Amino acid sequence: MEERQPLDRVARIQADWRHQRPDVDVSPQGVIGRLHRLAARLTEELSRVYDRYGLSEGEFDVLCALRRAGAPYERAPGDLAAHTMVTTGAMTKRVDRLERAGLVTRRRSDDDRRGRIVALTGPGRQLIDQAFTDHMRNERRLLDLLTPSEAEALEPLLTAWLFRVEHPRPSGGG
């Protein structure tokens, strides 16, 4: 028998809306509201690891993208933006800070004299290897709050939903 959860904040908000606006279907709040609250809490939990290493979430993402590139651990800024959740506009600011911290370097591209290349430094690689290990340990801790079967069921649902949100089908008029 499943354990019964007490009414959470989302359920209380839905109950209030059902009372005040019985004409509006508030059932989407049950999923969207909880996902929104969960995303905020997960971001807080993940940020604790980034903070421990003196990194923002975006900086962590940039260092990870460089590390994932493999030796010599470098990418052009446009490629970095394509391999992270960081916009090209925010990339320069993050790379500037990482460069000041001695975690990355910038140089001219060998292929295109106007282009630039961002590369991990030795200390940058050491830092991101440690931070990423701690990050994965933290994600495991958070995921282990679910049963293995819950986690297994959740991943394909989230994958499908994210794909549909990111690639909406054109609504046809006939």
Protein backbone atom coordinates (compact mmCIF):
# COMPACT_ATOMS: atom_id res chain seq x y z
CA MET A 1 0.00 0.00 0.00
CA GLU A 2 1.33 3.42 -0.98
CA GLU A 3 2.07 5.91 1.76
CA ARG A 4 -0.35 8.81 1.71
CA GLN A 5 1.23 12.23 1.45
CA PRO A 6 -0.24 15.16 3.39
CA LEU A 7 -1.66 18.07 1.40
CA ASP A 8 1.26 20.04 0.05
CA ARG A 9 1.39 23.72 -0.87
CA VAL A 10 0.27 23.04 -4.45
CA ALA A 11 -2.74 21.01 -3.31
CA ARG A 12 -3.76 23.79 -0.89
CA ILE A 13 -3.46 26.38 -3.68
CA GLN A 14 -5.55 24.21 -6.00
CA ALA A 15 -8.20 23.78 -3.28
CA ASP A 16 -8.37 27.56 -2.83
CA TRP A 17 -8.73 28.10 -6.58
CA ARG A 18 -11.39 25.39 -6.87
CA HIS A 19 -13.36 27.21 -4.18
CA GLN A 20 -12.83 30.68 -5.67
CA ARG A 21 -12.98 29.76 -9.36
CA PRO A 22 -14.87 26.47 -9.80
CA ASP A 23 -15.29 27.37 -13.48
CA VAL A 24 -11.52 26.95 -14.18
CA ASP A 25 -9.77 23.59 -14.45
CA VAL A 26 -6.81 23.89 -12.06
CA SER A 27 -5.62 20.30 -12.48
CA PRO A 28 -2.55 21.35 -14.56
CA GLN A 29 -1.22 23.05 -11.42
CA GLY A 30 -0.87 19.60 -9.86
CA VAL A 31 1.93 18.75 -12.29
CA ILE A 32 3.27 22.14 -13.39
CA GLY A 33 3.22 23.68 -9.93
CA ARG A 34 5.06 20.75 -8.39
CA LEU A 35 7.61 20.63 -11.23
CA HIS A 36 8.21 24.35 -10.81
CA ARG A 37 8.73 23.98 -7.04
CA LEU A 38 10.90 20.89 -7.55
CA ALA A 39 13.05 22.65 -10.16
CA ALA A 40 13.66 25.54 -7.75
CA ARG A 41 14.60 23.14 -4.93
CA LEU A 42 16.86 21.07 -7.21
CA THR A 43 18.61 24.23 -8.38
CA GLU A 44 19.26 25.16 -4.73
CA GLU A 45 20.64 21.70 -3.98
CA LEU A 46 22.85 21.65 -7.10
CA SER A 47 24.11 25.17 -6.46
CA ARG A 48 25.58 24.08 -3.14
CA VAL A 49 28.19 22.05 -5.02
CA TYR A 50 28.91 24.87 -7.49
CA ASP A 51 29.30 27.30 -4.58
CA ARG A 52 31.74 24.96 -2.85
CA TYR A 53 34.04 25.35 -5.87
CA GLY A 54 33.47 29.08 -6.29
CA LEU A 55 31.48 28.60 -9.50
CA SER A 56 28.13 29.75 -10.77
CA GLU A 57 25.87 27.26 -12.52
CA GLY A 58 26.81 28.76 -15.91
CA GLU A 59 30.53 28.65 -15.18
CA PHE A 60 30.25 25.03 -14.07
CA ASP A 61 28.44 24.29 -17.34
CA VAL A 62 31.18 25.97 -19.42
CA LEU A 63 33.96 24.04 -17.65
CA CYS A 64 32.03 20.80 -18.13
CA ALA A 65 31.61 21.49 -21.85
CA LEU A 66 35.35 22.03 -22.20
CA ARG A 67 36.14 18.87 -20.22
CA ARG A 68 33.66 16.81 -22.30
CA ALA A 69 35.43 17.98 -25.47
CA GLY A 70 38.36 15.70 -24.61
CA ALA A 71 42.03 16.55 -24.97
CA PRO A 72 43.10 19.28 -25.56
CA TYR A 73 39.89 20.42 -23.74
CA GLU A 74 39.03 23.39 -25.93
CA ARG A 75 36.17 24.75 -28.01
CA ALA A 76 35.32 27.88 -29.95
CA PRO A 77 32.91 30.18 -28.06
CA GLY A 78 30.07 29.35 -30.48
CA ASP A 79 30.62 25.64 -29.90
CA LEU A 80 30.66 26.25 -26.15
CA ALA A 81 27.26 27.92 -26.39
CA ALA A 82 25.93 24.99 -28.44
CA HIS A 83 27.19 22.48 -25.84
CA THR A 84 25.90 24.29 -22.75
CA MET A 85 22.76 25.86 -21.42
CA VAL A 86 24.50 29.24 -21.61
CA THR A 87 23.51 31.77 -24.28
CA THR A 88 26.19 33.25 -26.53
CA GLY A 89 25.54 36.65 -24.95
CA ALA A 90 26.28 35.32 -21.47
CA MET A 91 29.24 33.24 -22.64
CA THR A 92 31.74 36.13 -22.83
CA LYS A 93 31.04 37.20 -19.26
CA ARG A 94 31.49 33.66 -17.94
CA VAL A 95 34.67 33.04 -19.94
CA ASP A 96 36.07 36.39 -18.74
CA ARG A 97 35.54 35.39 -15.12
CA LEU A 98 36.92 31.87 -15.65
CA GLU A 99 39.96 33.34 -17.39
CA ARG A 100 40.59 35.80 -14.51
CA ALA A 101 40.39 32.81 -12.12
CA GLY A 102 43.04 30.98 -14.17
CA LEU A 103 40.65 28.14 -15.09
CA VAL A 104 40.57 28.79 -18.85
CA THR A 105 42.68 30.57 -21.47
CA ARG A 106 41.72 32.22 -24.74
CA ARG A 107 43.80 32.25 -27.89
CA ARG A 108 43.36 32.91 -31.58
CA SER A 109 42.14 30.01 -33.65
CA ASP A 110 44.74 28.34 -35.85
CA ASP A 111 42.10 27.87 -38.57
CA ASP A 112 40.50 31.32 -38.47
CA ARG A 113 42.62 34.28 -37.35
CA ARG A 114 39.47 36.19 -36.35
CA GLY A 115 38.17 33.26 -34.30
CA ARG A 116 39.00 32.49 -30.70
CA ILE A 117 39.48 29.26 -28.82
CA VAL A 118 38.71 28.74 -25.12
CA ALA A 119 40.71 26.01 -23.39
CA LEU A 120 40.84 24.52 -19.90
CA THR A 121 44.02 25.16 -17.96
CA GLY A 122 45.57 22.47 -15.76
CA PRO A 123 44.01 23.98 -12.62
CA GLY A 124 40.69 24.31 -14.50
CA ARG A 125 40.73 20.64 -15.41
CA GLN A 126 41.60 19.61 -11.86
CA LEU A 127 38.81 21.79 -10.44
CA ILE A 128 36.12 20.58 -12.85
CA ASP A 129 37.10 16.94 -12.35
CA GLN A 130 36.61 17.34 -8.59
CA ALA A 131 33.47 19.48 -8.93
CA PHE A 132 31.88 17.11 -11.45
CA THR A 133 32.52 14.09 -9.21
CA ASP A 134 30.84 15.89 -6.30
CA HIS A 135 28.03 17.05 -8.61
CA MET A 136 27.26 13.48 -9.71
CA ARG A 137 27.35 12.30 -6.08
CA ASN A 138 24.87 15.08 -5.23
CA GLU A 139 22.58 14.20 -8.16
CA ARG A 140 22.65 10.55 -7.06
CA ARG A 141 21.65 11.61 -3.52
CA LEU A 142 18.72 13.58 -4.91
CA LEU A 143 17.60 10.85 -7.30
CA ASP A 144 17.82 8.24 -4.55
CA LEU A 145 14.87 9.99 -2.89
CA LEU A 146 12.86 8.07 -5.51
CA THR A 147 12.66 4.30 -5.72
CA PRO A 148 14.58 2.78 -8.64
CA SER A 149 11.30 2.01 -10.43
CA GLU A 150 10.05 5.59 -9.92
CA ALA A 151 13.28 7.01 -11.36
CA GLU A 152 13.16 4.55 -14.25
CA ALA A 153 9.57 5.54 -15.07
CA LEU A 154 10.23 9.27 -14.73
CA GLU A 155 13.13 9.62 -17.15
CA PRO A 156 11.29 8.61 -20.37
CA LEU A 157 8.27 10.74 -19.38
CA LEU A 158 10.45 13.81 -18.87
CA THR A 159 12.38 13.07 -22.07
CA ALA A 160 9.19 12.88 -24.13
CA TRP A 161 7.66 15.98 -22.52
CA LEU A 162 10.84 18.05 -22.93
CA PHE A 163 11.12 17.03 -26.58
CA ARG A 164 7.51 18.08 -27.26
CA VAL A 165 7.98 21.42 -25.52
CA GLU A 166 11.24 22.11 -27.37
CA HIS A 167 9.92 20.85 -30.73
CA PRO A 168 6.24 21.78 -30.87
CA ARG A 169 4.24 20.45 -33.78
CA PRO A 170 2.76 23.15 -35.94
CA SER A 171 -0.94 23.42 -35.24
CA GLY A 172 -2.71 22.58 -38.46
CA GLY A 173 -5.79 24.36 -39.55
CA GLY A 174 -7.06 21.65 -41.79
